[in-house]
Amino acid sequence: MLSLVELILVGLVLTNLVLLGTSRIGLCIRMVAFQGVGLALLPLLGLEALSPEPLVISGATALLKGWIFPLLLFRSLESAHVRAEVEPYVGYSNSLLFGVAALAVSVWLGGRVPVPGPGVPSLLTPVAFFTILVGLFVIVTRRKAVSQVVGYLVLENGIFAFGAVALRKAQLLVEMGILLDVFVAVFVMGIAIFRINREFDHIDADRLASLKE
């Protein structure tokens, strides 16, 4: 089972690099959905016997991250009539360079942080840290509100990946709390995107700085 966990973590790294290198917001949403489906399997792996708690976490994760969140984002994308992130603050080539550098730093830091517990793969800490950095980078460097919501989901995926593997004893409390927070955040952000687009005919978050009373 450990090899399957590592495969999911490698998939997380690859989808993060795709997110950094593409301008197509629809593809970014699909990558986040793909991450969510992979992460939904983590609570079930490495267990000697299945119990209701990991099944609830896995089912809720697959439902929210793999279907509901992407559906809400695609609807926001359609209502805003936008398909691509045309002029981000940081270009896509430089974003990929950041991704490579962030991955190297994450691996370096992961090698100096002790493994959280027995049976936890050594890739977990660097991949989780790398995913969090990518999420923060997307939030800061993308102009479209939908892209920033995607960045928020990627950041949470990094936290979820670490918690799903390393914090098995308090898994239900921790992960359900995180999922509830993310659900509320995405719901509110979806409403905000709709209102911004209706009032100002665009969803460029940087233009909000020019609003005056």
N, C-alpha and C. Protein backbone atom coordinates (compact mmCIF):
# COMPACT_ATOMS: atom_id res chain seq x y z
N MET A 1 0.81 -1.21 0.00
CA MET A 1 0.00 0.00 0.00
C MET A 1 0.85 1.26 0.00
N LEU A 2 2.06 1.12 0.54
CA LEU A 2 2.92 2.30 0.60
C LEU A 2 3.26 2.82 -0.78
N SER A 3 3.45 1.91 -1.74
CA SER A 3 3.78 2.33 -3.10
C SER A 3 2.62 3.09 -3.73
N LEU A 4 1.38 2.72 -3.41
CA LEU A 4 0.23 3.43 -3.95
C LEU A 4 0.14 4.84 -3.36
N VAL A 5 0.46 4.99 -2.08
CA VAL A 5 0.50 6.31 -1.47
C VAL A 5 1.55 7.17 -2.17
N GLU A 6 2.71 6.60 -2.42
CA GLU A 6 3.77 7.35 -3.10
C GLU A 6 3.35 7.71 -4.52
N LEU A 7 2.61 6.83 -5.19
CA LEU A 7 2.12 7.12 -6.54
C LEU A 7 1.17 8.31 -6.52
N ILE A 8 0.29 8.36 -5.51
CA ILE A 8 -0.63 9.50 -5.38
C ILE A 8 0.15 10.78 -5.12
N LEU A 9 1.19 10.70 -4.30
CA LEU A 9 2.00 11.89 -4.01
C LEU A 9 2.74 12.37 -5.26
N VAL A 10 3.24 11.45 -6.06
CA VAL A 10 3.90 11.84 -7.32
C VAL A 10 2.89 12.50 -8.26
N GLY A 11 1.67 11.94 -8.31
CA GLY A 11 0.62 12.57 -9.11
C GLY A 11 0.30 13.97 -8.64
N LEU A 12 0.38 14.18 -7.33
CA LEU A 12 0.15 15.51 -6.78
C LEU A 12 1.20 16.49 -7.28
N VAL A 13 2.45 16.04 -7.32
CA VAL A 13 3.53 16.91 -7.82
C VAL A 13 3.32 17.25 -9.28
N LEU A 14 3.00 16.25 -10.10
CA LEU A 14 2.83 16.47 -11.54
C LEU A 14 1.66 17.41 -11.83
N THR A 15 0.55 17.23 -11.13
CA THR A 15 -0.59 18.12 -11.36
C THR A 15 -0.28 19.55 -10.90
N ASN A 16 0.52 19.68 -9.86
CA ASN A 16 0.94 21.03 -9.43
C ASN A 16 1.75 21.72 -10.51
N LEU A 17 2.63 20.98 -11.17
CA LEU A 17 3.43 21.57 -12.25
C LEU A 17 2.55 21.95 -13.44
N VAL A 18 1.53 21.14 -13.73
CA VAL A 18 0.59 21.49 -14.80
C VAL A 18 -0.14 22.78 -14.45
N LEU A 19 -0.56 22.91 -13.20
CA LEU A 19 -1.26 24.12 -12.75
C LEU A 19 -0.39 25.36 -12.94
N LEU A 20 0.90 25.22 -12.70
CA LEU A 20 1.79 26.37 -12.84
C LEU A 20 2.06 26.73 -14.29
N GLY A 21 1.94 25.75 -15.19
CA GLY A 21 2.37 25.98 -16.56
C GLY A 21 1.27 26.21 -17.57
N THR A 22 0.00 26.20 -17.15
CA THR A 22 -1.10 26.36 -18.11
C THR A 22 -1.88 27.64 -17.83
N SER A 23 -2.40 28.22 -18.91
CA SER A 23 -3.26 29.41 -18.79
C SER A 23 -4.74 29.04 -18.81
N ARG A 24 -5.06 27.79 -19.13
CA ARG A 24 -6.45 27.36 -19.26
C ARG A 24 -7.03 27.09 -17.87
N ILE A 25 -7.97 27.90 -17.46
CA ILE A 25 -8.53 27.77 -16.12
C ILE A 25 -9.33 26.47 -16.00
N GLY A 26 -10.00 26.07 -17.08
CA GLY A 26 -10.74 24.81 -17.05
C GLY A 26 -9.83 23.63 -16.77
N LEU A 27 -8.64 23.62 -17.38
CA LEU A 27 -7.68 22.54 -17.12
C LEU A 27 -7.20 22.57 -15.67
N CYS A 28 -7.02 23.77 -15.13
CA CYS A 28 -6.62 23.90 -13.73
C CYS A 28 -7.68 23.30 -12.81
N ILE A 29 -8.95 23.56 -13.12
CA ILE A 29 -10.03 23.00 -12.29
C ILE A 29 -10.03 21.48 -12.39
N ARG A 30 -9.79 20.94 -13.58
CA ARG A 30 -9.74 19.48 -13.74
C ARG A 30 -8.56 18.89 -12.97
N MET A 31 -7.43 19.58 -12.94
CA MET A 31 -6.29 19.09 -12.19
C MET A 31 -6.58 19.06 -10.69
N VAL A 32 -7.29 20.08 -10.21
CA VAL A 32 -7.67 20.10 -8.79
C VAL A 32 -8.65 18.96 -8.49
N ALA A 33 -9.58 18.70 -9.42
CA ALA A 33 -10.51 17.58 -9.24
C ALA A 33 -9.75 16.25 -9.22
N PHE A 34 -8.76 16.13 -10.09
CA PHE A 34 -7.94 14.92 -10.12
C PHE A 34 -7.18 14.75 -8.81
N GLN A 35 -6.65 15.84 -8.29
CA GLN A 35 -5.99 15.78 -6.99
C GLN A 35 -6.97 15.32 -5.91
N GLY A 36 -8.18 15.85 -5.94
CA GLY A 36 -9.16 15.50 -4.93
C GLY A 36 -9.51 14.02 -4.94
N VAL A 37 -9.65 13.44 -6.13
CA VAL A 37 -9.96 12.01 -6.22
C VAL A 37 -8.81 11.18 -5.67
N GLY A 38 -7.58 11.57 -6.00
CA GLY A 38 -6.42 10.84 -5.47
C GLY A 38 -6.31 10.96 -3.96
N LEU A 39 -6.53 12.17 -3.45
CA LEU A 39 -6.44 12.38 -2.00
C LEU A 39 -7.53 11.64 -1.26
N ALA A 40 -8.68 11.41 -1.91
CA ALA A 40 -9.77 10.68 -1.25
C ALA A 40 -9.39 9.25 -0.92
N LEU A 41 -8.39 8.71 -1.63
CA LEU A 41 -7.96 7.34 -1.36
C LEU A 41 -7.01 7.25 -0.17
N LEU A 42 -6.35 8.35 0.18
CA LEU A 42 -5.32 8.29 1.22
C LEU A 42 -5.84 7.81 2.57
N PRO A 43 -7.00 8.27 3.04
CA PRO A 43 -7.45 7.79 4.35
C PRO A 43 -7.69 6.28 4.42
N LEU A 44 -7.86 5.62 3.26
CA LEU A 44 -8.15 4.19 3.24
C LEU A 44 -6.90 3.33 3.13
N LEU A 45 -5.77 3.92 2.79
CA LEU A 45 -4.56 3.16 2.55
C LEU A 45 -3.77 2.97 3.83
N GLY A 46 -3.15 1.81 3.96
CA GLY A 46 -2.30 1.54 5.11
C GLY A 46 -3.06 1.15 6.36
N LEU A 47 -4.37 0.91 6.25
CA LEU A 47 -5.15 0.51 7.41
C LEU A 47 -5.24 -1.01 7.48
N GLU A 48 -5.14 -1.55 8.69
CA GLU A 48 -5.27 -2.99 8.86
C GLU A 48 -6.71 -3.45 8.65
N ALA A 49 -7.65 -2.61 9.07
CA ALA A 49 -9.07 -2.94 8.90
C ALA A 49 -9.84 -1.64 8.69
N LEU A 50 -10.81 -1.70 7.80
CA LEU A 50 -11.61 -0.51 7.52
C LEU A 50 -12.59 -0.24 8.66
N SER A 51 -12.78 1.03 8.95
CA SER A 51 -13.72 1.46 9.97
C SER A 51 -14.56 2.59 9.40
N PRO A 52 -15.66 2.96 10.05
CA PRO A 52 -16.53 4.01 9.48
C PRO A 52 -15.83 5.35 9.29
N GLU A 53 -14.91 5.72 10.18
CA GLU A 53 -14.30 7.04 10.11
C GLU A 53 -13.56 7.28 8.80
N PRO A 54 -12.59 6.42 8.41
CA PRO A 54 -11.91 6.68 7.13
C PRO A 54 -12.84 6.58 5.93
N LEU A 55 -13.86 5.75 6.00
CA LEU A 55 -14.82 5.66 4.90
C LEU A 55 -15.60 6.96 4.74
N VAL A 56 -15.99 7.55 5.88
CA VAL A 56 -16.70 8.84 5.83
C VAL A 56 -15.79 9.92 5.25
N ILE A 57 -14.54 9.96 5.71
CA ILE A 57 -13.60 10.97 5.22
C ILE A 57 -13.36 10.80 3.73
N SER A 58 -13.13 9.55 3.31
CA SER A 58 -12.85 9.29 1.90
C SER A 58 -14.04 9.66 1.02
N GLY A 59 -15.25 9.26 1.46
CA GLY A 59 -16.44 9.58 0.67
C GLY A 59 -16.70 11.07 0.59
N ALA A 60 -16.56 11.77 1.72
CA ALA A 60 -16.78 13.22 1.73
C ALA A 60 -15.74 13.93 0.87
N THR A 61 -14.50 13.46 0.93
CA THR A 61 -13.43 14.07 0.14
C THR A 61 -13.68 13.90 -1.35
N ALA A 62 -14.02 12.67 -1.75
CA ALA A 62 -14.29 12.42 -3.17
C ALA A 62 -15.47 13.24 -3.67
N LEU A 63 -16.51 13.34 -2.85
CA LEU A 63 -17.71 14.08 -3.25
C LEU A 63 -17.43 15.57 -3.38
N LEU A 64 -16.76 16.15 -2.37
CA LEU A 64 -16.52 17.59 -2.36
C LEU A 64 -15.40 17.98 -3.32
N LYS A 65 -14.24 17.35 -3.17
CA LYS A 65 -13.08 17.75 -3.97
C LYS A 65 -13.14 17.27 -5.41
N GLY A 66 -13.75 16.10 -5.62
CA GLY A 66 -13.78 15.55 -6.97
C GLY A 66 -14.97 15.95 -7.81
N TRP A 67 -16.04 16.44 -7.15
CA TRP A 67 -17.24 16.76 -7.92
C TRP A 67 -17.85 18.12 -7.58
N ILE A 68 -18.19 18.37 -6.32
CA ILE A 68 -18.92 19.59 -5.97
C ILE A 68 -18.08 20.84 -6.20
N PHE A 69 -16.85 20.87 -5.66
CA PHE A 69 -16.01 22.05 -5.85
C PHE A 69 -15.73 22.34 -7.33
N PRO A 70 -15.29 21.34 -8.11
CA PRO A 70 -15.09 21.61 -9.55
C PRO A 70 -16.36 22.06 -10.25
N LEU A 71 -17.52 21.49 -9.88
CA LEU A 71 -18.77 21.89 -10.50
C LEU A 71 -19.08 23.35 -10.21
N LEU A 72 -18.89 23.78 -8.96
CA LEU A 72 -19.11 25.17 -8.60
C LEU A 72 -18.17 26.10 -9.36
N LEU A 73 -16.93 25.68 -9.50
CA LEU A 73 -15.96 26.52 -10.21
C LEU A 73 -16.27 26.60 -11.69
N PHE A 74 -16.68 25.50 -12.30
CA PHE A 74 -17.04 25.54 -13.72
C PHE A 74 -18.26 26.42 -13.96
N ARG A 75 -19.20 26.39 -13.04
CA ARG A 75 -20.37 27.27 -13.18
C ARG A 75 -19.97 28.73 -13.05
N SER A 76 -19.06 29.02 -12.12
CA SER A 76 -18.55 30.39 -12.00
C SER A 76 -17.81 30.81 -13.26
N LEU A 77 -17.08 29.87 -13.85
CA LEU A 77 -16.34 30.15 -15.08
C LEU A 77 -17.29 30.47 -16.22
N GLU A 78 -18.36 29.71 -16.33
CA GLU A 78 -19.33 29.96 -17.39
C GLU A 78 -20.07 31.28 -17.19
N SER A 79 -20.42 31.58 -15.96
CA SER A 79 -21.14 32.84 -15.71
C SER A 79 -20.26 34.05 -15.95
N ALA A 80 -18.95 33.89 -15.75
CA ALA A 80 -18.02 35.00 -15.95
C ALA A 80 -17.54 35.11 -17.39
N HIS A 81 -17.85 34.10 -18.22
CA HIS A 81 -17.46 34.09 -19.65
C HIS A 81 -15.95 34.28 -19.80
N VAL A 82 -15.20 33.50 -19.06
CA VAL A 82 -13.74 33.56 -19.14
C VAL A 82 -13.22 32.14 -19.28
N ARG A 83 -12.15 31.98 -20.06
CA ARG A 83 -11.61 30.66 -20.30
C ARG A 83 -10.14 30.53 -19.91
N ALA A 84 -9.41 31.65 -19.89
CA ALA A 84 -7.97 31.56 -19.66
C ALA A 84 -7.49 32.71 -18.80
N GLU A 85 -6.39 32.47 -18.14
CA GLU A 85 -5.68 33.49 -17.37
C GLU A 85 -4.68 34.12 -18.33
N VAL A 86 -5.04 35.28 -18.89
CA VAL A 86 -4.26 35.85 -20.00
C VAL A 86 -2.99 36.53 -19.52
N GLU A 87 -3.08 37.37 -18.52
CA GLU A 87 -1.93 38.16 -18.09
C GLU A 87 -1.71 38.02 -16.58
N PRO A 88 -1.15 36.91 -16.15
CA PRO A 88 -0.86 36.76 -14.71
C PRO A 88 0.27 37.70 -14.30
N TYR A 89 0.39 37.92 -13.01
CA TYR A 89 1.48 38.76 -12.51
C TYR A 89 2.84 38.15 -12.82
N VAL A 90 2.92 36.84 -12.80
CA VAL A 90 4.15 36.11 -13.12
C VAL A 90 3.85 35.19 -14.29
N GLY A 91 4.68 35.26 -15.34
CA GLY A 91 4.46 34.46 -16.53
C GLY A 91 4.57 32.97 -16.26
N TYR A 92 4.12 32.17 -17.22
CA TYR A 92 4.05 30.72 -17.00
C TYR A 92 5.42 30.07 -17.03
N SER A 93 6.34 30.57 -17.82
CA SER A 93 7.71 30.03 -17.80
C SER A 93 8.36 30.28 -16.44
N ASN A 94 8.21 31.50 -15.94
CA ASN A 94 8.76 31.81 -14.63
C ASN A 94 8.03 31.05 -13.53
N SER A 95 6.73 30.80 -13.73
CA SER A 95 5.98 30.03 -12.75
C SER A 95 6.52 28.60 -12.66
N LEU A 96 6.84 28.02 -13.82
CA LEU A 96 7.42 26.67 -13.81
C LEU A 96 8.80 26.66 -13.16
N LEU A 97 9.58 27.72 -13.41
CA LEU A 97 10.88 27.82 -12.73
C LEU A 97 10.70 27.89 -11.22
N PHE A 98 9.69 28.67 -10.80
CA PHE A 98 9.39 28.71 -9.37
C PHE A 98 9.02 27.31 -8.86
N GLY A 99 8.22 26.58 -9.65
CA GLY A 99 7.81 25.25 -9.24
C GLY A 99 8.99 24.32 -9.05
N VAL A 100 9.94 24.36 -9.98
CA VAL A 100 11.13 23.51 -9.85
C VAL A 100 11.94 23.90 -8.62
N ALA A 101 12.10 25.22 -8.40
CA ALA A 101 12.85 25.69 -7.24
C ALA A 101 12.13 25.33 -5.94
N ALA A 102 10.80 25.51 -5.93
CA ALA A 102 10.03 25.18 -4.73
C ALA A 102 10.08 23.69 -4.43
N LEU A 103 10.08 22.87 -5.47
CA LEU A 103 10.17 21.42 -5.27
C LEU A 103 11.53 21.05 -4.68
N ALA A 104 12.59 21.68 -5.20
CA ALA A 104 13.93 21.40 -4.67
C ALA A 104 14.04 21.82 -3.20
N VAL A 105 13.51 23.00 -2.88
CA VAL A 105 13.55 23.46 -1.48
C VAL A 105 12.72 22.55 -0.60
N SER A 106 11.57 22.10 -1.09
CA SER A 106 10.71 21.22 -0.31
C SER A 106 11.38 19.88 -0.03
N VAL A 107 12.07 19.34 -1.03
CA VAL A 107 12.79 18.08 -0.83
C VAL A 107 13.93 18.27 0.17
N TRP A 108 14.62 19.41 0.06
CA TRP A 108 15.71 19.70 1.01
C TRP A 108 15.18 19.82 2.44
N LEU A 109 14.08 20.55 2.61
CA LEU A 109 13.50 20.69 3.94
C LEU A 109 12.92 19.36 4.44
N GLY A 110 12.30 18.61 3.53
CA GLY A 110 11.73 17.33 3.93
C GLY A 110 12.76 16.35 4.44
N GLY A 111 13.98 16.45 3.89
CA GLY A 111 15.05 15.57 4.36
C GLY A 111 15.55 15.92 5.74
N ARG A 112 15.22 17.10 6.22
CA ARG A 112 15.68 17.55 7.54
C ARG A 112 14.58 17.55 8.59
N VAL A 113 13.37 17.23 8.15
CA VAL A 113 12.25 17.13 9.09
C VAL A 113 12.01 15.66 9.38
N PRO A 114 11.91 15.27 10.65
CA PRO A 114 11.69 13.85 10.96
C PRO A 114 10.35 13.36 10.44
N VAL A 115 10.31 12.10 10.04
CA VAL A 115 9.07 11.49 9.55
C VAL A 115 8.05 11.48 10.68
N PRO A 116 6.79 11.92 10.41
CA PRO A 116 5.80 12.05 11.48
C PRO A 116 5.47 10.77 12.25
N GLY A 117 5.65 9.61 11.63
CA GLY A 117 5.30 8.37 12.32
C GLY A 117 5.71 7.16 11.52
N PRO A 118 5.57 5.97 12.10
CA PRO A 118 5.93 4.75 11.38
C PRO A 118 5.01 4.50 10.20
N GLY A 119 5.59 4.00 9.12
CA GLY A 119 4.80 3.71 7.94
C GLY A 119 4.47 4.91 7.07
N VAL A 120 4.97 6.09 7.44
CA VAL A 120 4.71 7.30 6.66
C VAL A 120 5.81 7.45 5.61
N PRO A 121 5.47 7.56 4.33
CA PRO A 121 6.50 7.67 3.29
C PRO A 121 7.31 8.95 3.42
N SER A 122 8.58 8.87 3.05
CA SER A 122 9.47 10.03 3.15
C SER A 122 9.06 11.15 2.20
N LEU A 123 8.28 10.81 1.16
CA LEU A 123 7.84 11.82 0.20
C LEU A 123 6.75 12.73 0.77
N LEU A 124 6.10 12.31 1.84
CA LEU A 124 4.91 13.02 2.30
C LEU A 124 5.20 14.47 2.66
N THR A 125 6.19 14.70 3.51
CA THR A 125 6.47 16.07 3.97
C THR A 125 6.86 16.99 2.82
N PRO A 126 7.83 16.61 1.96
CA PRO A 126 8.18 17.53 0.86
C PRO A 126 7.05 17.77 -0.13
N VAL A 127 6.25 16.74 -0.43
CA VAL A 127 5.15 16.92 -1.38
C VAL A 127 4.06 17.81 -0.78
N ALA A 128 3.75 17.60 0.48
CA ALA A 128 2.75 18.45 1.14
C ALA A 128 3.21 19.89 1.19
N PHE A 129 4.47 20.11 1.55
CA PHE A 129 5.01 21.46 1.61
C PHE A 129 5.04 22.10 0.23
N PHE A 130 5.42 21.33 -0.79
CA PHE A 130 5.45 21.84 -2.17
C PHE A 130 4.05 22.23 -2.64
N THR A 131 3.05 21.42 -2.31
CA THR A 131 1.68 21.71 -2.71
C THR A 131 1.18 22.99 -2.05
N ILE A 132 1.50 23.17 -0.78
CA ILE A 132 1.12 24.39 -0.08
C ILE A 132 1.77 25.61 -0.73
N LEU A 133 3.05 25.51 -1.09
CA LEU A 133 3.74 26.62 -1.73
C LEU A 133 3.12 26.95 -3.09
N VAL A 134 2.77 25.92 -3.86
CA VAL A 134 2.14 26.15 -5.17
C VAL A 134 0.79 26.84 -4.99
N GLY A 135 0.01 26.41 -4.02
CA GLY A 135 -1.27 27.05 -3.78
C GLY A 135 -1.12 28.52 -3.42
N LEU A 136 -0.18 28.84 -2.54
CA LEU A 136 0.07 30.23 -2.18
C LEU A 136 0.54 31.04 -3.38
N PHE A 137 1.40 30.43 -4.21
CA PHE A 137 1.92 31.12 -5.39
C PHE A 137 0.79 31.45 -6.37
N VAL A 138 -0.11 30.50 -6.59
CA VAL A 138 -1.23 30.72 -7.52
C VAL A 138 -2.14 31.82 -6.98
N ILE A 139 -2.40 31.82 -5.69
CA ILE A 139 -3.25 32.86 -5.10
C ILE A 139 -2.66 34.24 -5.32
N VAL A 140 -1.35 34.36 -5.17
CA VAL A 140 -0.69 35.67 -5.22
C VAL A 140 -0.47 36.15 -6.65
N THR A 141 -0.20 35.23 -7.59
CA THR A 141 0.26 35.64 -8.92
C THR A 141 -0.82 35.61 -10.00
N ARG A 142 -2.00 35.11 -9.72
CA ARG A 142 -3.05 35.06 -10.74
C ARG A 142 -4.04 36.19 -10.52
N ARG A 143 -4.55 36.73 -11.63
CA ARG A 143 -5.46 37.87 -11.57
C ARG A 143 -6.93 37.45 -11.43
N LYS A 144 -7.31 36.38 -12.10
CA LYS A 144 -8.72 35.98 -12.11
C LYS A 144 -9.11 35.39 -10.75
N ALA A 145 -10.32 35.76 -10.31
CA ALA A 145 -10.80 35.27 -9.02
C ALA A 145 -10.94 33.75 -9.01
N VAL A 146 -11.34 33.16 -10.14
CA VAL A 146 -11.49 31.71 -10.20
C VAL A 146 -10.14 31.04 -10.00
N SER A 147 -9.09 31.57 -10.62
CA SER A 147 -7.75 31.01 -10.46
C SER A 147 -7.29 31.10 -9.01
N GLN A 148 -7.65 32.18 -8.34
CA GLN A 148 -7.27 32.32 -6.94
C GLN A 148 -8.00 31.31 -6.06
N VAL A 149 -9.25 31.00 -6.39
CA VAL A 149 -9.96 29.95 -5.66
C VAL A 149 -9.29 28.60 -5.89
N VAL A 150 -8.85 28.35 -7.12
CA VAL A 150 -8.11 27.12 -7.41
C VAL A 150 -6.85 27.05 -6.55
N GLY A 151 -6.14 28.17 -6.43
CA GLY A 151 -4.96 28.20 -5.59
C GLY A 151 -5.27 27.87 -4.14
N TYR A 152 -6.39 28.38 -3.65
CA TYR A 152 -6.81 28.07 -2.28
C TYR A 152 -7.06 26.58 -2.11
N LEU A 153 -7.70 25.96 -3.10
CA LEU A 153 -7.97 24.53 -3.02
C LEU A 153 -6.68 23.72 -3.06
N VAL A 154 -5.72 24.14 -3.89
CA VAL A 154 -4.43 23.45 -3.95
C VAL A 154 -3.72 23.54 -2.60
N LEU A 155 -3.74 24.72 -2.00
CA LEU A 155 -3.12 24.90 -0.68
C LEU A 155 -3.76 23.93 0.32
N GLU A 156 -5.08 23.85 0.32
CA GLU A 156 -5.75 22.94 1.26
C GLU A 156 -5.44 21.49 0.95
N ASN A 157 -5.23 21.16 -0.33
CA ASN A 157 -4.88 19.79 -0.68
C ASN A 157 -3.55 19.38 -0.05
N GLY A 158 -2.62 20.31 0.01
CA GLY A 158 -1.35 20.01 0.66
C GLY A 158 -1.53 19.71 2.14
N ILE A 159 -2.35 20.52 2.80
CA ILE A 159 -2.64 20.28 4.22
C ILE A 159 -3.37 18.96 4.41
N PHE A 160 -4.33 18.68 3.53
CA PHE A 160 -5.10 17.44 3.63
C PHE A 160 -4.21 16.22 3.43
N ALA A 161 -3.31 16.29 2.43
CA ALA A 161 -2.43 15.15 2.15
C ALA A 161 -1.59 14.80 3.38
N PHE A 162 -1.06 15.81 4.04
CA PHE A 162 -0.25 15.55 5.23
C PHE A 162 -1.11 14.98 6.35
N GLY A 163 -2.27 15.57 6.57
CA GLY A 163 -3.13 15.12 7.67
C GLY A 163 -3.70 13.74 7.44
N ALA A 164 -4.03 13.40 6.19
CA ALA A 164 -4.65 12.11 5.89
C ALA A 164 -3.71 10.95 6.15
N VAL A 165 -2.40 11.17 6.03
CA VAL A 165 -1.43 10.09 6.21
C VAL A 165 -0.79 10.13 7.59
N ALA A 166 -0.44 11.33 8.05
CA ALA A 166 0.35 11.45 9.28
C ALA A 166 -0.49 11.54 10.55
N LEU A 167 -1.74 11.94 10.45
CA LEU A 167 -2.55 12.17 11.66
C LEU A 167 -3.74 11.23 11.69
N ARG A 168 -3.48 9.95 11.63
CA ARG A 168 -4.56 8.97 11.53
C ARG A 168 -5.40 8.89 12.80
N LYS A 169 -4.82 9.14 13.96
CA LYS A 169 -5.56 8.98 15.21
C LYS A 169 -6.65 10.03 15.36
N ALA A 170 -6.37 11.25 14.90
CA ALA A 170 -7.37 12.31 15.00
C ALA A 170 -7.88 12.69 13.62
N GLN A 171 -7.92 11.71 12.73
CA GLN A 171 -8.19 11.99 11.32
C GLN A 171 -9.57 12.56 11.09
N LEU A 172 -10.59 11.94 11.66
CA LEU A 172 -11.96 12.38 11.38
C LEU A 172 -12.17 13.82 11.82
N LEU A 173 -11.76 14.15 13.03
CA LEU A 173 -11.95 15.51 13.55
C LEU A 173 -11.20 16.53 12.71
N VAL A 174 -9.95 16.24 12.39
CA VAL A 174 -9.12 17.19 11.66
C VAL A 174 -9.62 17.37 10.23
N GLU A 175 -9.82 16.26 9.53
CA GLU A 175 -10.14 16.36 8.11
C GLU A 175 -11.56 16.87 7.86
N MET A 176 -12.51 16.47 8.67
CA MET A 176 -13.86 16.98 8.48
C MET A 176 -13.93 18.47 8.79
N GLY A 177 -13.15 18.91 9.77
CA GLY A 177 -13.08 20.34 10.04
C GLY A 177 -12.50 21.11 8.87
N ILE A 178 -11.45 20.56 8.27
CA ILE A 178 -10.84 21.20 7.10
C ILE A 178 -11.82 21.24 5.93
N LEU A 179 -12.48 20.11 5.67
CA LEU A 179 -13.42 20.05 4.55
C LEU A 179 -14.58 21.03 4.74
N LEU A 180 -15.06 21.16 5.96
CA LEU A 180 -16.14 22.11 6.22
C LEU A 180 -15.68 23.54 5.96
N ASP A 181 -14.49 23.88 6.43
CA ASP A 181 -13.95 25.22 6.19
C ASP A 181 -13.79 25.49 4.70
N VAL A 182 -13.28 24.51 3.97
CA VAL A 182 -13.07 24.70 2.54
C VAL A 182 -14.39 24.82 1.80
N PHE A 183 -15.38 24.02 2.20
CA PHE A 183 -16.68 24.09 1.54
C PHE A 183 -17.28 25.49 1.70
N VAL A 184 -17.24 26.01 2.91
CA VAL A 184 -17.77 27.35 3.16
C VAL A 184 -16.99 28.38 2.36
N ALA A 185 -15.65 28.26 2.33
CA ALA A 185 -14.82 29.22 1.62
C ALA A 185 -15.12 29.22 0.13
N VAL A 186 -15.20 28.01 -0.47
CA VAL A 186 -15.47 27.93 -1.91
C VAL A 186 -16.87 28.44 -2.22
N PHE A 187 -17.83 28.15 -1.38
CA PHE A 187 -19.20 28.64 -1.59
C PHE A 187 -19.23 30.16 -1.56
N VAL A 188 -18.57 30.75 -0.57
CA VAL A 188 -18.54 32.21 -0.47
C VAL A 188 -17.79 32.82 -1.64
N MET A 189 -16.67 32.20 -2.03
CA MET A 189 -15.89 32.72 -3.15
C MET A 189 -16.68 32.64 -4.45
N GLY A 190 -17.48 31.57 -4.61
CA GLY A 190 -18.32 31.45 -5.81
C GLY A 190 -19.34 32.57 -5.89
N ILE A 191 -19.96 32.89 -4.75
CA ILE A 191 -20.90 34.01 -4.72
C ILE A 191 -20.19 35.32 -5.03
N ALA A 192 -18.99 35.50 -4.47
CA ALA A 192 -18.23 36.73 -4.71
C ALA A 192 -17.86 36.87 -6.18
N ILE A 193 -17.46 35.76 -6.82
CA ILE A 193 -17.12 35.81 -8.24
C ILE A 193 -18.33 36.21 -9.07
N PHE A 194 -19.49 35.63 -8.74
CA PHE A 194 -20.72 35.97 -9.47
C PHE A 194 -21.07 37.44 -9.32
N ARG A 195 -20.96 37.97 -8.09
CA ARG A 195 -21.32 39.37 -7.85
C ARG A 195 -20.33 40.32 -8.52
N ILE A 196 -19.03 39.97 -8.45
CA ILE A 196 -18.02 40.81 -9.10
C ILE A 196 -18.26 40.88 -10.61
N ASN A 197 -18.53 39.73 -11.22
CA ASN A 197 -18.75 39.70 -12.66
C ASN A 197 -20.02 40.44 -13.05
N ARG A 198 -21.06 40.35 -12.24
CA ARG A 198 -22.32 41.02 -12.57
C ARG A 198 -22.20 42.53 -12.47
N GLU A 199 -21.44 43.00 -11.49
CA GLU A 199 -21.34 44.43 -11.26
C GLU A 199 -20.30 45.11 -12.14
N PHE A 200 -19.20 44.39 -12.46
CA PHE A 200 -18.08 45.05 -13.12
C PHE A 200 -17.69 44.42 -14.44
N ASP A 201 -18.42 43.39 -14.90
CA ASP A 201 -18.18 42.76 -16.21
C ASP A 201 -16.79 42.15 -16.33
N HIS A 202 -16.17 41.80 -15.24
CA HIS A 202 -14.88 41.10 -15.27
C HIS A 202 -14.67 40.48 -13.90
N ILE A 203 -13.70 39.58 -13.81
CA ILE A 203 -13.37 38.97 -12.53
C ILE A 203 -11.88 39.14 -12.23
N ASP A 204 -11.28 40.21 -12.72
CA ASP A 204 -9.89 40.52 -12.39
C ASP A 204 -9.84 41.08 -10.98
N ALA A 205 -9.26 40.32 -10.08
CA ALA A 205 -9.26 40.72 -8.68
C ALA A 205 -8.44 41.99 -8.44
N ASP A 206 -7.42 42.24 -9.29
CA ASP A 206 -6.58 43.41 -9.06
C ASP A 206 -7.31 44.71 -9.32
N ARG A 207 -8.36 44.69 -10.13
CA ARG A 207 -9.11 45.90 -10.42
C ARG A 207 -9.91 46.39 -9.22
N LEU A 208 -10.17 45.50 -8.28
CA LEU A 208 -10.90 45.92 -7.10
C LEU A 208 -10.12 46.95 -6.30
N ALA A 209 -8.80 46.97 -6.46
CA ALA A 209 -7.98 47.94 -5.73
C ALA A 209 -8.24 49.37 -6.21
N SER A 210 -8.79 49.50 -7.43
CA SER A 210 -9.04 50.85 -7.97
C SER A 210 -10.42 51.38 -7.62
N LEU A 211 -11.24 50.59 -6.91
CA LEU A 211 -12.57 51.05 -6.54
C LEU A 211 -12.47 52.18 -5.52
N LYS A 212 -13.34 53.16 -5.65
CA LYS A 212 -13.37 54.27 -4.71
C LYS A 212 -14.79 54.50 -4.24
N GLU A 213 -14.92 55.02 -3.05
CA GLU A 213 -16.24 55.26 -2.50
C GLU A 213 -16.92 56.42 -3.25
